[in-house]
Amino acid sequence: MSWVTALLVYVVIWWLVLFCVLPLGIRPAEDDEHAERAGAPANPRIGYRILLTTGIAAIVFAAVYALIQSDLISFRRMG
């Protein structure tokens, strides 16, 4: 696997994990006159979610990379 392919696979995994991590633990903001939107989260903690996503994506990517390198799954040969 070339480094470009590996980078693209990691980016796809990262985005998939991000969309799985975003809704975890979200609570809507309390009703007050300063709220921007009714469904806006009270404390989104985006920095924490990005770090968590990066860690989980790295673990998933390592597993995918090991699986591809072990030739259990091959994208080069048919049958």
C-alpha atoms as a PDB file:
ATOM      1  CA  MET A   1       0.000   0.000   0.000  1.00  0.00           C
ATOM      2  CA  SER A   2       1.495   3.333  -1.002  1.00  0.00           C
ATOM      3  CA  TRP A   3       1.573   6.231   1.441  1.00  0.00           C
ATOM      4  CA  VAL A   4      -1.001   8.138  -0.628  1.00  0.00           C
ATOM      5  CA  THR A   5      -3.430   5.211  -0.495  1.00  0.00           C
ATOM      6  CA  ALA A   6      -2.801   4.795   3.224  1.00  0.00           C
ATOM      7  CA  LEU A   7      -3.454   8.503   3.812  1.00  0.00           C
ATOM      8  CA  LEU A   8      -6.709   8.399   1.855  1.00  0.00           C
ATOM      9  CA  VAL A   9      -7.878   5.297   3.714  1.00  0.00           C
ATOM     10  CA  TYR A  10      -7.064   6.997   7.042  1.00  0.00           C
ATOM     11  CA  VAL A  11      -8.980  10.148   6.065  1.00  0.00           C
ATOM     12  CA  VAL A  12     -12.069   8.133   5.104  1.00  0.00           C
ATOM     13  CA  ILE A  13     -11.894   6.166   8.363  1.00  0.00           C
ATOM     14  CA  TRP A  14     -11.390   9.410  10.330  1.00  0.00           C
ATOM     15  CA  TRP A  15     -14.522  10.998   8.884  1.00  0.00           C
ATOM     16  CA  LEU A  16     -16.604   7.876   9.466  1.00  0.00           C
ATOM     17  CA  VAL A  17     -15.462   7.719  13.080  1.00  0.00           C
ATOM     18  CA  LEU A  18     -16.111  11.452  13.548  1.00  0.00           C
ATOM     19  CA  PHE A  19     -19.737  11.077  12.511  1.00  0.00           C
ATOM     20  CA  CYS A  20     -20.080   8.174  14.951  1.00  0.00           C
ATOM     21  CA  VAL A  21     -18.473  10.125  17.826  1.00  0.00           C
ATOM     22  CA  LEU A  22     -20.285  13.457  17.362  1.00  0.00           C
ATOM     23  CA  PRO A  23     -23.660  12.489  18.867  1.00  0.00           C
ATOM     24  CA  LEU A  24     -22.200  10.748  21.946  1.00  0.00           C
ATOM     25  CA  GLY A  25     -23.059  12.501  25.198  1.00  0.00           C
ATOM     26  CA  ILE A  26     -24.711  15.530  23.618  1.00  0.00           C
ATOM     27  CA  ARG A  27     -27.305  17.280  25.736  1.00  0.00           C
ATOM     28  CA  PRO A  28     -29.350  20.208  24.443  1.00  0.00           C
ATOM     29  CA  ALA A  29     -28.769  23.631  25.983  1.00  0.00           C
ATOM     30  CA  GLU A  30     -31.132  24.803  28.676  1.00  0.00           C
ATOM     31  CA  ASP A  31     -33.796  27.239  27.582  1.00  0.00           C
ATOM     32  CA  ASP A  32     -32.507  30.761  28.037  1.00  0.00           C
ATOM     33  CA  GLU A  33     -32.664  33.965  26.066  1.00  0.00           C
ATOM     34  CA  HIS A  34     -29.000  33.712  24.913  1.00  0.00           C
ATOM     35  CA  ALA A  35     -29.270  30.311  23.196  1.00  0.00           C
ATOM     36  CA  GLU A  36     -28.493  30.416  19.505  1.00  0.00           C
ATOM     37  CA  ARG A  37     -30.668  27.485  18.419  1.00  0.00           C
ATOM     38  CA  ALA A  38     -33.077  25.227  20.249  1.00  0.00           C
ATOM     39  CA  GLY A  39     -31.130  22.066  19.298  1.00  0.00           C
ATOM     40  CA  ALA A  40     -27.645  23.445  19.914  1.00  0.00           C
ATOM     41  CA  PRO A  41     -25.617  21.384  22.409  1.00  0.00           C
ATOM     42  CA  ALA A  42     -24.797  22.965  25.757  1.00  0.00           C
ATOM     43  CA  ASN A  43     -21.125  21.926  25.657  1.00  0.00           C
ATOM     44  CA  PRO A  44     -20.043  20.401  22.323  1.00  0.00           C
ATOM     45  CA  ARG A  45     -16.373  19.802  23.398  1.00  0.00           C
ATOM     46  CA  ILE A  46     -15.195  19.702  19.782  1.00  0.00           C
ATOM     47  CA  GLY A  47     -11.496  19.533  20.676  1.00  0.00           C
ATOM     48  CA  TYR A  48     -12.067  16.440  22.803  1.00  0.00           C
ATOM     49  CA  ARG A  49     -14.155  14.835  20.066  1.00  0.00           C
ATOM     50  CA  ILE A  50     -11.466  15.482  17.438  1.00  0.00           C
ATOM     51  CA  LEU A  51      -8.788  13.931  19.660  1.00  0.00           C
ATOM     52  CA  LEU A  52     -11.029  10.957  20.428  1.00  0.00           C
ATOM     53  CA  THR A  53     -11.791  10.538  16.725  1.00  0.00           C
ATOM     54  CA  THR A  54      -8.090  10.652  15.852  1.00  0.00           C
ATOM     55  CA  GLY A  55      -7.264   7.963  18.400  1.00  0.00           C
ATOM     56  CA  ILE A  56     -10.079   5.628  17.396  1.00  0.00           C
ATOM     57  CA  ALA A  57      -9.354   6.159  13.690  1.00  0.00           C
ATOM     58  CA  ALA A  58      -5.677   5.323  14.271  1.00  0.00           C
ATOM     59  CA  ILE A  59      -6.632   2.025  15.943  1.00  0.00           C
ATOM     60  CA  VAL A  60      -9.119   1.137  13.189  1.00  0.00           C
ATOM     61  CA  PHE A  61      -6.596   2.108  10.499  1.00  0.00           C
ATOM     62  CA  ALA A  62      -3.909  -0.059  12.117  1.00  0.00           C
ATOM     63  CA  ALA A  63      -6.289  -3.022  12.034  1.00  0.00           C
ATOM     64  CA  VAL A  64      -7.242  -2.381   8.383  1.00  0.00           C
ATOM     65  CA  TYR A  65      -3.584  -1.906   7.417  1.00  0.00           C
ATOM     66  CA  ALA A  66      -2.565  -5.142   9.148  1.00  0.00           C
ATOM     67  CA  LEU A  67      -5.413  -6.999   7.454  1.00  0.00           C
ATOM     68  CA  ILE A  68      -4.406  -5.731   4.015  1.00  0.00           C
ATOM     69  CA  GLN A  69      -0.686  -6.376   4.569  1.00  0.00           C
ATOM     70  CA  SER A  70      -1.352  -9.941   5.771  1.00  0.00           C
ATOM     71  CA  ASP A  71      -2.889 -10.814   2.368  1.00  0.00           C
ATOM     72  CA  LEU A  72      -6.079 -12.119   3.987  1.00  0.00           C
ATOM     73  CA  ILE A  73      -7.792  -9.506   1.852  1.00  0.00           C
ATOM     74  CA  SER A  74      -6.236  -8.761  -1.521  1.00  0.00           C
ATOM     75  CA  PHE A  75      -7.330  -6.063  -3.906  1.00  0.00           C
ATOM     76  CA  ARG A  76      -4.875  -7.131  -6.576  1.00  0.00           C
ATOM     77  CA  ARG A  77      -5.914 -10.683  -7.492  1.00  0.00           C
ATOM     78  CA  MET A  78      -9.258 -12.174  -8.389  1.00  0.00           C
ATOM     79  CA  GLY A  79     -10.495 -15.511  -7.049  1.00  0.00           C
END
